[in-house]
Amino acid sequence: MNPWQGPIEQLDDYRFKIPKSYMNEMRVPGLIYANVEMMEHIKNDSTPIQIANVACLPGIIKYSIAMPDIHWGYGFSIGGVGATEIDKGGIISPGGVGSDINCGVRLLRTNLSLSDIEDKLPALVNGLFRNIPAGVGSHGAIKLSPKDTADVLHTGTKWAVSHGYGIPEDILYTEEHGQLPFANPEQISQRALERGHNQLGTLGSGNHFLEIQVIDRVFDPKIAAIFGLKEQQITIMIHTGSRGLGYQVCEDYLRSMGDASRKYGIYLPDRQLACAPVDSPEGKGYLGAMACAANYAWANRQCIMHLTRRTFEQILGLSEKEIGIQLVYDVAHNIAKIEKHMVNGKETTLCVHRKGATRAFPAGHPDIPERYKDAGQPVIVPGDMGRASYVLVGTQLGMDEAFGTACHGAGRIMSRTRAIKEAKGRSITRELADKGIIVRSSGKETLAEEMPEAYKDVNVVVNILHQAGIAKKVAKIRPLGVVKG
């Protein structure tokens, strides 16, 4: 990758702009949330080129946006946001969603404090590792018939809850209630169905994880109380997506979208941005398939949550009521959503691509749970397994400026290959144990790929969001035990 040589204008301490003048084909400027130090890394990562390329897509409005966890990706940068106006030829692009469709994270709260589980922590981590399959190609105990598979693709979380993998309240605290209604299983290939029929309730590999945590600090006690959070409380975080089914959907449509781009005469500065108008047959086909994969991912995280509840009961010897595992919220990353936003004073229907980015709606928005209406939507930002994670809340400024979006994590600063090389001769397990963090992993190289130094400091990333005003800090969470693929 070549260092960025183009113009970047600093708007304030946390906003930088790529002007439209950089490329004749740019329809909107690029907007990057960062600080001065982070911008130097972003320039060397060549991601500004991808931000500028996205600004060339038909129908894009306002900005091509980059969150502070931005890093190089396929087509869109990871941490990239682009909204297109459907009535003006706005497109949908698989490269703006990503391979792991609806990779997302859910945060669970408990009635437990750190003192309640300290002596049982190793057993809990081992129990979760044993009961929830993890790793490349991992298969679970939940086997789907063809009818069940179709139902999961249609109804997502509702299928899981109706089959005993959770309680109705879980649906209320899942983004979109865990179901995109425009899912169309007829758009899913046989190969995708085959890959998904036995992967529900599995974690997968790479940066996916299941983590036992403790709340270290509360920044906003009022909002934290609305979310049911307090200091020294045990929380659990689940981070995974649509597994092989979602990857296959992406692979299938990347091929067909190249043909669609040529058919509709769409200029592509990068062929990885292959796309089609949202209201075209090709666009509707991908949207229906993507929604199926998104619903599968919500069902997957719901099943893992159910297995987590059962594991805690088994290891602690307490009842479900005593442990009190409840869903705070589940947010999607890697998704394109049809949403209404105010554009130039007019409510406008947009296709909002959030690739490695999280929805972050403000207080009063109709799409967030009634309990959270006065606070805003919980925004969950996992960090690396050696530092921290955060809970934030969406703001009106974030809604107005970034389509109600925040970052989805810390963001890589090392490739997986480089991380493995840097970790050679080290024991990441022992280094984490020295920090009081127990880790279990099924993959030999996973811990090296995912070592803390491979990521930006999540504390800095979250501070940029907070200082820029597009999301507000609520609580900081410290890892205690981690299960990785």
Protein backbone atom coordinates (compact mmCIF):
# COMPACT_ATOMS: atom_id res chain seq x y z
CA MET A 1 0.00 0.00 0.00
CA ASN A 2 1.24 3.47 -0.89
CA PRO A 3 1.04 6.41 1.54
CA TRP A 4 -1.72 8.90 0.77
CA GLN A 5 -0.54 11.86 -1.29
CA GLY A 6 -3.85 13.67 -1.77
CA PRO A 7 -5.35 16.65 0.07
CA ILE A 8 -6.86 16.31 3.54
CA GLU A 9 -8.34 19.30 5.36
CA GLN A 10 -8.51 19.34 9.16
CA LEU A 11 -11.94 20.64 10.17
CA ASP A 12 -11.43 20.40 13.94
CA ASP A 13 -9.60 18.22 16.45
CA TYR A 14 -11.58 15.10 15.45
CA ARG A 15 -12.77 15.63 11.87
CA PHE A 16 -10.83 15.57 8.61
CA LYS A 17 -12.17 16.08 5.09
CA ILE A 18 -11.11 14.75 1.69
CA PRO A 19 -12.37 17.46 -0.69
CA LYS A 20 -14.38 16.57 -3.79
CA SER A 21 -11.63 18.20 -5.85
CA TYR A 22 -9.37 15.17 -5.22
CA MET A 23 -11.13 13.18 -7.97
CA ASN A 24 -13.40 14.46 -10.72
CA GLU A 25 -15.76 11.54 -10.16
CA MET A 26 -16.34 12.24 -6.42
CA ARG A 27 -19.97 13.18 -5.82
CA VAL A 28 -19.47 14.08 -2.12
CA PRO A 29 -16.48 14.80 0.13
CA GLY A 30 -14.92 12.21 2.44
CA LEU A 31 -15.29 12.70 6.21
CA ILE A 32 -12.87 10.96 8.60
CA TYR A 33 -13.26 10.87 12.38
CA ALA A 34 -9.78 10.69 13.89
CA ASN A 35 -7.16 12.68 15.76
CA VAL A 36 -3.90 14.02 14.34
CA GLU A 37 -1.81 11.05 15.46
CA MET A 38 -4.29 8.51 14.11
CA MET A 39 -4.52 10.34 10.79
CA GLU A 40 -0.87 9.60 10.14
CA HIS A 41 -1.55 5.89 10.38
CA ILE A 42 -4.69 6.19 8.25
CA LYS A 43 -2.72 7.94 5.51
CA ASN A 44 -0.09 5.18 5.49
CA ASP A 45 -2.82 2.51 5.36
CA SER A 46 -4.08 3.99 2.06
CA THR A 47 -7.67 3.94 3.36
CA PRO A 48 -8.29 7.54 2.19
CA ILE A 49 -8.18 6.14 -1.36
CA GLN A 50 -11.04 3.79 -0.51
CA ILE A 51 -12.97 6.60 1.16
CA ALA A 52 -12.62 8.72 -1.99
CA ASN A 53 -13.63 5.79 -4.19
CA VAL A 54 -16.85 5.26 -2.24
CA ALA A 55 -17.63 8.96 -2.73
CA CYS A 56 -17.96 8.22 -6.47
CA LEU A 57 -20.87 5.80 -6.14
CA PRO A 58 -24.26 6.72 -7.66
CA GLY A 59 -26.76 8.25 -5.26
CA ILE A 60 -24.31 8.78 -2.39
CA ILE A 61 -25.23 11.75 -0.26
CA LYS A 62 -23.59 14.04 2.27
CA TYR A 63 -20.24 12.26 2.83
CA SER A 64 -18.31 9.05 2.37
CA ILE A 65 -17.64 8.49 6.07
CA ALA A 66 -14.81 6.78 7.95
CA MET A 67 -15.04 5.90 11.63
CA PRO A 68 -11.88 6.05 13.82
CA ASP A 69 -11.44 2.25 13.66
CA ILE A 70 -11.01 2.54 9.88
CA HIS A 71 -8.63 0.19 8.10
CA TRP A 72 -8.18 -1.32 4.67
CA GLY A 73 -10.95 -3.62 3.48
CA TYR A 74 -12.51 -5.09 0.34
CA GLY A 75 -14.11 -2.22 -1.60
CA PHE A 76 -15.23 -0.12 1.34
CA SER A 77 -12.75 0.28 4.17
CA ILE A 78 -13.68 -1.53 7.37
CA GLY A 79 -15.18 1.28 9.39
CA GLY A 80 -16.66 2.83 6.25
CA VAL A 81 -20.16 4.29 5.98
CA GLY A 82 -21.98 5.31 2.81
CA ALA A 83 -25.66 6.24 2.36
CA THR A 84 -27.28 6.32 -1.07
CA GLU A 85 -30.60 7.93 -2.00
CA ILE A 86 -32.75 5.20 -3.52
CA ASP A 87 -35.00 7.51 -5.57
CA LYS A 88 -31.96 9.04 -7.25
CA GLY A 89 -30.33 5.86 -8.49
CA GLY A 90 -28.76 4.96 -5.18
CA ILE A 91 -26.86 1.68 -5.24
CA ILE A 92 -26.25 -1.25 -2.94
CA SER A 93 -22.80 -2.87 -2.92
CA PRO A 94 -21.68 -6.15 -1.31
CA GLY A 95 -18.30 -4.47 -0.78
CA GLY A 96 -20.10 -1.96 1.46
CA VAL A 97 -21.48 -4.74 3.66
CA GLY A 98 -18.60 -7.18 3.91
CA SER A 99 -18.04 -10.92 3.81
CA ASP A 100 -19.36 -11.74 7.29
CA ILE A 101 -22.86 -10.29 6.87
CA ASN A 102 -24.24 -8.99 10.18
CA CYS A 103 -21.14 -9.75 12.11
CA GLY A 104 -22.34 -8.09 15.29
CA VAL A 105 -22.12 -7.97 19.03
CA ARG A 106 -24.55 -8.44 21.89
CA LEU A 107 -24.02 -7.41 25.49
CA LEU A 108 -25.57 -9.38 28.36
CA ARG A 109 -25.89 -8.10 31.91
CA THR A 110 -26.16 -10.29 35.02
CA ASN A 111 -27.11 -10.06 38.69
CA LEU A 112 -23.56 -11.12 39.53
CA SER A 113 -20.63 -9.08 40.80
CA LEU A 114 -16.94 -9.88 40.44
CA SER A 115 -16.76 -11.37 43.95
CA ASP A 116 -19.52 -13.85 43.02
CA ILE A 117 -17.51 -15.56 40.27
CA GLU A 118 -13.81 -14.95 40.90
CA ASP A 119 -13.13 -18.48 42.14
CA LYS A 120 -15.34 -20.01 39.41
CA LEU A 121 -13.92 -17.99 36.50
CA PRO A 122 -11.63 -20.74 35.10
CA ALA A 123 -14.52 -23.23 35.21
CA LEU A 124 -16.86 -20.77 33.49
CA VAL A 125 -14.39 -20.10 30.68
CA ASN A 126 -13.76 -23.82 30.22
CA GLY A 127 -17.49 -24.53 30.28
CA LEU A 128 -18.21 -21.94 27.60
CA PHE A 129 -15.34 -23.25 25.50
CA ARG A 130 -16.71 -26.78 25.83
CA ASN A 131 -20.40 -25.97 25.21
CA ILE A 132 -20.12 -23.42 22.39
CA PRO A 133 -18.23 -24.68 19.33
CA ALA A 134 -15.55 -22.29 18.07
CA GLY A 135 -13.03 -22.27 15.27
CA VAL A 136 -12.92 -22.48 11.49
CA GLY A 137 -15.82 -24.53 10.11
CA SER A 138 -17.10 -25.39 13.58
CA HIS A 139 -20.44 -27.22 13.72
CA GLY A 140 -22.97 -27.15 16.53
CA ALA A 141 -25.59 -29.46 17.98
CA ILE A 142 -28.43 -27.50 16.35
CA LYS A 143 -29.17 -29.24 13.05
CA LEU A 144 -31.64 -27.52 10.73
CA SER A 145 -34.06 -29.26 8.40
CA PRO A 146 -34.73 -27.50 5.07
CA LYS A 147 -37.94 -26.05 6.55
CA ASP A 148 -36.12 -24.86 9.69
CA THR A 149 -33.41 -23.25 7.56
CA ALA A 150 -36.02 -21.33 5.55
CA ASP A 151 -37.72 -20.24 8.78
CA VAL A 152 -34.43 -19.02 10.28
CA LEU A 153 -33.68 -17.03 7.12
CA HIS A 154 -37.17 -15.48 7.25
CA THR A 155 -37.57 -14.80 10.95
CA GLY A 156 -34.10 -14.75 12.59
CA THR A 157 -34.24 -14.32 16.36
CA LYS A 158 -37.95 -15.16 16.46
CA TRP A 159 -37.18 -18.68 15.20
CA ALA A 160 -34.60 -19.18 17.92
CA VAL A 161 -36.88 -17.98 20.72
CA SER A 162 -39.88 -19.97 19.43
CA HIS A 163 -37.72 -23.11 19.52
CA GLY A 164 -36.66 -22.60 23.14
CA TYR A 165 -33.38 -20.78 22.61
CA GLY A 166 -34.25 -17.71 24.65
CA ILE A 167 -37.16 -15.66 25.96
CA PRO A 168 -39.48 -13.17 24.17
CA GLU A 169 -37.80 -10.22 25.92
CA ASP A 170 -34.59 -11.02 24.01
CA ILE A 171 -36.35 -10.05 20.77
CA LEU A 172 -37.21 -6.57 22.11
CA TYR A 173 -33.55 -5.71 22.74
CA THR A 174 -32.20 -6.87 19.38
CA GLU A 175 -31.73 -4.38 16.55
CA GLU A 176 -34.65 -4.72 14.12
CA HIS A 177 -36.06 -7.25 16.62
CA GLY A 178 -33.60 -9.66 15.02
CA GLN A 179 -35.43 -9.82 11.69
CA LEU A 180 -35.16 -7.92 8.42
CA PRO A 181 -38.61 -8.44 6.84
CA PHE A 182 -37.45 -8.27 3.21
CA ALA A 183 -35.43 -11.50 3.50
CA ASN A 184 -35.92 -13.71 0.45
CA PRO A 185 -34.58 -17.28 0.79
CA GLU A 186 -35.15 -17.83 -2.94
CA GLN A 187 -32.09 -15.63 -3.49
CA ILE A 188 -29.85 -17.95 -1.42
CA SER A 189 -27.71 -20.48 -3.29
CA GLN A 190 -27.73 -24.17 -2.44
CA ARG A 191 -24.08 -23.89 -1.44
CA ALA A 192 -24.93 -21.15 1.10
CA LEU A 193 -27.72 -23.28 2.55
CA GLU A 194 -25.37 -26.24 2.88
CA ARG A 195 -22.82 -24.15 4.73
CA GLY A 196 -25.42 -22.82 7.16
CA HIS A 197 -27.47 -25.87 8.06
CA ASN A 198 -25.34 -26.92 11.07
CA GLN A 199 -23.58 -23.75 12.21
CA LEU A 200 -26.22 -22.13 14.41
CA GLY A 201 -24.92 -21.69 17.94
CA THR A 202 -21.25 -21.60 16.87
CA LEU A 203 -18.72 -18.85 17.37
CA GLY A 204 -16.45 -19.22 14.35
CA SER A 205 -12.88 -18.00 14.18
CA GLY A 206 -10.76 -14.87 13.68
CA ASN A 207 -11.83 -11.86 15.73
CA HIS A 208 -15.03 -13.54 16.95
CA PHE A 209 -15.20 -14.10 20.69
CA LEU A 210 -17.25 -14.80 23.79
CA GLU A 211 -16.06 -12.79 26.76
CA ILE A 212 -16.82 -12.65 30.49
CA GLN A 213 -16.25 -9.10 31.71
CA VAL A 214 -16.64 -6.71 34.62
CA ILE A 215 -17.76 -3.08 34.47
CA ASP A 216 -14.75 -1.04 35.57
CA ARG A 217 -16.15 2.47 35.32
CA VAL A 218 -19.46 4.20 34.73
CA PHE A 219 -19.26 7.61 33.03
CA ASP A 220 -22.99 8.39 32.93
CA PRO A 221 -24.80 6.83 35.92
CA LYS A 222 -28.26 7.90 34.75
CA ILE A 223 -28.02 6.26 31.32
CA ALA A 224 -26.14 3.27 32.73
CA ALA A 225 -29.04 2.69 35.14
CA ILE A 226 -31.50 2.76 32.24
CA PHE A 227 -29.37 0.10 30.53
CA GLY A 228 -29.26 -1.89 33.80
CA LEU A 229 -25.49 -1.44 34.27
CA LYS A 230 -23.38 -0.58 37.33
CA GLU A 231 -19.75 -0.79 38.44
CA GLN A 232 -18.35 -4.23 39.41
CA GLN A 233 -21.23 -5.95 37.61
CA ILE A 234 -20.43 -9.03 35.51
CA THR A 235 -21.33 -8.73 31.85
CA ILE A 236 -20.91 -11.07 28.89
CA MET A 237 -20.21 -10.10 25.29
CA ILE A 238 -20.85 -12.23 22.21
CA HIS A 239 -19.22 -11.26 18.91
CA THR A 240 -19.92 -13.35 15.82
CA GLY A 241 -21.91 -13.29 12.59
CA SER A 242 -23.58 -15.32 9.87
CA ARG A 243 -20.80 -17.90 9.59
CA GLY A 244 -20.33 -19.79 6.30
CA LEU A 245 -23.78 -18.89 5.00
CA GLY A 246 -23.05 -15.16 5.06
CA TYR A 247 -19.64 -15.59 3.48
CA GLN A 248 -21.18 -17.62 0.67
CA VAL A 249 -23.88 -15.00 0.03
CA CYS A 250 -21.17 -12.35 -0.34
CA GLU A 251 -19.12 -14.55 -2.65
CA ASP A 252 -22.16 -15.38 -4.81
CA TYR A 253 -23.20 -11.76 -5.30
CA LEU A 254 -19.75 -10.28 -5.83
CA ARG A 255 -19.71 -12.21 -9.11
CA SER A 256 -23.13 -11.12 -10.33
CA MET A 257 -22.73 -7.49 -9.22
CA GLY A 258 -19.79 -7.01 -11.58
CA ASP A 259 -22.11 -7.80 -14.49
CA ALA A 260 -24.79 -5.52 -13.04
CA SER A 261 -22.39 -2.58 -12.79
CA ARG A 262 -21.60 -2.89 -16.48
CA LYS A 263 -25.26 -3.36 -17.38
CA TYR A 264 -26.26 -0.09 -15.68
CA GLY A 265 -23.22 1.83 -16.87
CA ILE A 266 -21.93 2.51 -13.36
CA TYR A 267 -18.44 3.97 -13.15
CA LEU A 268 -16.33 2.03 -10.65
CA PRO A 269 -12.99 3.51 -9.52
CA ASP A 270 -12.38 0.07 -7.96
CA ARG A 271 -14.02 -3.11 -9.25
CA GLN A 272 -14.37 -4.28 -5.64
CA LEU A 273 -17.17 -1.68 -5.39
CA ALA A 274 -19.33 -3.65 -7.85
CA CYS A 275 -22.94 -2.65 -7.24
CA ALA A 276 -26.43 -2.23 -8.65
CA PRO A 277 -29.27 0.27 -8.09
CA VAL A 278 -31.19 -0.69 -4.96
CA ASP A 279 -34.48 -0.82 -6.88
CA SER A 280 -33.08 -2.95 -9.74
CA PRO A 281 -33.71 -6.72 -9.94
CA GLU A 282 -30.04 -7.31 -9.08
CA GLY A 283 -30.14 -4.88 -6.17
CA LYS A 284 -33.34 -6.37 -4.77
CA GLY A 285 -31.89 -9.86 -5.17
CA TYR A 286 -28.80 -9.04 -3.13
CA LEU A 287 -30.83 -7.14 -0.53
CA GLY A 288 -33.10 -10.16 -0.04
CA ALA A 289 -30.14 -12.54 0.26
CA MET A 290 -28.24 -10.20 2.59
CA ALA A 291 -31.31 -9.95 4.83
CA CYS A 292 -31.44 -13.77 5.04
CA ALA A 293 -27.82 -13.87 6.19
CA ALA A 294 -28.46 -11.04 8.66
CA ASN A 295 -31.41 -12.94 10.14
CA TYR A 296 -29.25 -16.07 10.39
CA ALA A 297 -26.61 -14.09 12.31
CA TRP A 298 -29.16 -12.76 14.80
CA ALA A 299 -30.46 -16.30 15.34
CA ASN A 300 -26.88 -17.51 15.79
CA ARG A 301 -26.08 -14.96 18.51
CA GLN A 302 -29.41 -15.74 20.18
CA CYS A 303 -28.60 -19.46 20.30
CA ILE A 304 -25.14 -18.71 21.75
CA MET A 305 -26.78 -16.53 24.39
CA HIS A 306 -29.06 -19.43 25.34
CA LEU A 307 -26.07 -21.80 25.60
CA THR A 308 -24.29 -19.18 27.74
CA ARG A 309 -27.24 -19.00 30.14
CA ARG A 310 -27.28 -22.77 30.51
CA THR A 311 -23.49 -22.92 31.04
CA PHE A 312 -23.59 -20.33 33.84
CA GLU A 313 -26.37 -22.26 35.58
CA GLN A 314 -24.43 -25.52 35.26
CA ILE A 315 -21.12 -24.15 36.55
CA LEU A 316 -22.43 -21.84 39.28
CA GLY A 317 -25.21 -24.12 40.49
CA LEU A 318 -27.62 -21.19 40.58
CA SER A 319 -31.01 -20.68 38.97
CA GLU A 320 -31.63 -18.63 35.85
CA LYS A 321 -33.40 -16.03 38.00
CA GLU A 322 -30.50 -15.80 40.47
CA ILE A 323 -27.91 -15.31 37.71
CA GLY A 324 -30.21 -12.92 35.84
CA ILE A 325 -28.59 -12.96 32.41
CA GLN A 326 -30.53 -10.40 30.37
CA LEU A 327 -29.85 -8.86 26.96
CA VAL A 328 -28.81 -5.22 27.10
CA TYR A 329 -28.72 -4.92 23.30
CA ASP A 330 -27.58 -6.60 20.09
CA VAL A 331 -26.17 -4.42 17.32
CA ALA A 332 -25.26 -5.37 13.77
CA HIS A 333 -22.06 -4.57 11.93
CA ASN A 334 -21.58 -5.32 8.24
CA ILE A 335 -25.05 -4.56 6.97
CA ALA A 336 -26.99 -2.36 4.56
CA LYS A 337 -30.24 -0.98 5.95
CA ILE A 338 -33.16 0.84 4.34
CA GLU A 339 -33.74 3.81 6.66
CA LYS A 340 -35.39 7.22 6.67
CA HIS A 341 -33.15 10.20 7.43
CA MET A 342 -33.54 13.95 7.21
CA VAL A 343 -31.66 15.25 4.16
CA ASN A 344 -31.80 19.00 3.49
CA GLY A 345 -34.84 19.28 5.75
CA LYS A 346 -36.73 16.47 3.99
CA GLU A 347 -37.32 12.90 5.16
CA THR A 348 -35.55 10.70 2.62
CA THR A 349 -35.31 6.94 2.18
CA LEU A 350 -31.69 5.82 2.06
CA CYS A 351 -29.71 2.63 1.75
CA VAL A 352 -27.16 3.00 4.56
CA HIS A 353 -24.08 0.81 4.24
CA ARG A 354 -22.33 0.22 7.57
CA LYS A 355 -19.24 -1.93 7.07
CA GLY A 356 -17.51 -2.50 10.36
CA ALA A 357 -19.73 0.21 11.80
CA THR A 358 -22.58 0.23 14.33
CA ARG A 359 -26.01 1.83 14.28
CA ALA A 360 -26.17 4.54 16.97
CA PHE A 361 -29.62 6.15 17.09
CA PRO A 362 -30.41 9.00 19.52
CA ALA A 363 -32.99 9.35 22.27
CA GLY A 364 -36.57 9.40 21.04
CA HIS A 365 -35.96 7.46 17.85
CA PRO A 366 -38.88 5.10 17.08
CA ASP A 367 -36.61 2.16 16.25
CA ILE A 368 -35.11 1.74 19.72
CA PRO A 369 -36.73 -0.11 22.67
CA GLU A 370 -39.28 1.79 24.77
CA ARG A 371 -37.14 1.34 27.89
CA TYR A 372 -34.28 3.21 26.19
CA LYS A 373 -36.33 5.99 24.56
CA ASP A 374 -35.15 8.69 27.00
CA ALA A 375 -31.52 7.59 26.78
CA GLY A 376 -30.84 6.53 23.20
CA GLN A 377 -29.66 3.31 21.62
CA PRO A 378 -26.90 1.37 23.37
CA VAL A 379 -23.74 1.37 21.24
CA ILE A 380 -21.44 -1.57 22.00
CA VAL A 381 -17.77 -1.19 21.05
CA PRO A 382 -15.61 -4.24 21.78
CA GLY A 383 -11.88 -3.71 22.08
CA ASP A 384 -9.04 -6.21 21.97
CA MET A 385 -8.90 -9.05 24.50
CA GLY A 386 -6.22 -7.35 26.60
CA ARG A 387 -7.59 -3.84 27.10
CA ALA A 388 -11.27 -2.92 27.38
CA SER A 389 -14.66 -2.60 25.71
CA TYR A 390 -17.17 0.23 25.94
CA VAL A 391 -20.86 0.95 26.07
CA LEU A 392 -21.85 4.26 24.52
CA VAL A 393 -25.15 5.82 23.52
CA GLY A 394 -26.22 7.43 20.25
CA THR A 395 -26.60 11.21 19.95
CA GLN A 396 -28.59 13.58 17.77
CA LEU A 397 -25.37 15.02 16.32
CA GLY A 398 -24.34 11.52 15.28
CA MET A 399 -27.75 11.08 13.65
CA ASP A 400 -27.52 14.36 11.75
CA GLU A 401 -23.89 14.03 10.69
CA ALA A 402 -23.19 10.30 10.34
CA PHE A 403 -26.61 8.74 9.69
CA GLY A 404 -26.77 7.55 13.30
CA THR A 405 -23.54 5.57 13.15
CA ALA A 406 -20.53 4.88 15.39
CA CYS A 407 -17.48 2.63 15.16
CA HIS A 408 -17.69 -1.13 15.73
CA GLY A 409 -14.44 -1.82 17.56
CA ALA A 410 -10.83 -0.76 17.90
CA GLY A 411 -9.70 -1.47 14.31
CA ARG A 412 -6.65 -3.42 13.22
CA ILE A 413 -3.26 -1.81 12.79
CA MET A 414 -1.46 -5.06 11.89
CA SER A 415 -2.33 -7.59 9.25
CA ARG A 416 -2.89 -11.11 10.55
CA THR A 417 0.33 -12.22 8.84
CA ARG A 418 2.34 -9.49 10.52
CA ALA A 419 0.74 -10.18 13.90
CA ILE A 420 1.72 -13.86 13.69
CA LYS A 421 5.28 -12.83 12.85
CA GLU A 422 5.41 -10.28 15.70
CA ALA A 423 4.10 -12.85 18.19
CA LYS A 424 6.69 -15.49 17.32
CA GLY A 425 8.42 -16.81 20.44
CA ARG A 426 5.84 -15.24 22.75
CA SER A 427 3.06 -16.84 24.78
CA ILE A 428 0.02 -14.59 24.36
CA THR A 429 -1.89 -16.85 26.74
CA ARG A 430 0.67 -16.30 29.50
CA GLU A 431 0.88 -12.54 28.82
CA LEU A 432 -2.89 -12.25 29.20
CA ALA A 433 -2.85 -14.46 32.30
CA ASP A 434 -0.35 -12.04 33.84
CA LYS A 435 -3.03 -9.35 33.38
CA GLY A 436 -5.62 -11.56 35.08
CA ILE A 437 -7.32 -12.60 31.83
CA ILE A 438 -8.05 -16.27 31.13
CA VAL A 439 -8.17 -17.18 27.44
CA ARG A 440 -9.12 -20.37 25.59
CA SER A 441 -8.74 -20.74 21.82
CA SER A 442 -9.26 -23.59 19.36
CA GLY A 443 -6.93 -22.19 16.69
CA LYS A 444 -3.15 -22.31 17.10
CA GLU A 445 -2.56 -18.98 15.40
CA THR A 446 -5.73 -17.17 16.51
CA LEU A 447 -4.22 -15.67 19.65
CA ALA A 448 -1.23 -14.37 17.70
CA GLU A 449 -3.50 -12.84 15.04
CA GLU A 450 -5.66 -11.27 17.75
CA MET A 451 -3.00 -10.12 20.23
CA PRO A 452 -3.72 -6.69 21.72
CA GLU A 453 -0.94 -4.92 19.79
CA ALA A 454 -2.61 -5.92 16.49
CA TYR A 455 -5.33 -3.35 17.25
CA LYS A 456 -5.60 0.37 17.84
CA ASP A 457 -6.10 1.39 21.45
CA VAL A 458 -9.87 1.23 21.92
CA ASN A 459 -9.63 3.91 24.61
CA VAL A 460 -8.35 6.38 22.01
CA VAL A 461 -10.87 5.27 19.38
CA VAL A 462 -13.82 5.68 21.74
CA ASN A 463 -12.55 9.03 23.00
CA ILE A 464 -12.62 10.35 19.43
CA LEU A 465 -16.28 9.34 19.09
CA HIS A 466 -17.08 10.93 22.44
CA GLN A 467 -15.18 14.17 21.83
CA ALA A 468 -16.59 14.49 18.30
CA GLY A 469 -20.05 14.14 19.85
CA ILE A 470 -21.37 11.39 17.58
CA ALA A 471 -21.69 8.94 20.51
CA LYS A 472 -21.39 9.40 24.26
CA LYS A 473 -19.46 7.22 26.73
CA VAL A 474 -21.60 5.34 29.27
CA ALA A 475 -19.40 2.58 30.74
CA LYS A 476 -15.99 0.94 30.39
CA ILE A 477 -15.76 -2.85 30.65
CA ARG A 478 -12.68 -4.97 31.45
CA PRO A 479 -12.14 -8.52 30.12
CA LEU A 480 -11.83 -11.41 32.61
CA GLY A 481 -12.14 -14.53 30.47
CA VAL A 482 -12.14 -14.91 26.70
CA VAL A 483 -13.14 -17.74 24.38
CA LYS A 484 -11.74 -17.39 20.83
CA GLY A 485 -11.98 -19.51 17.71
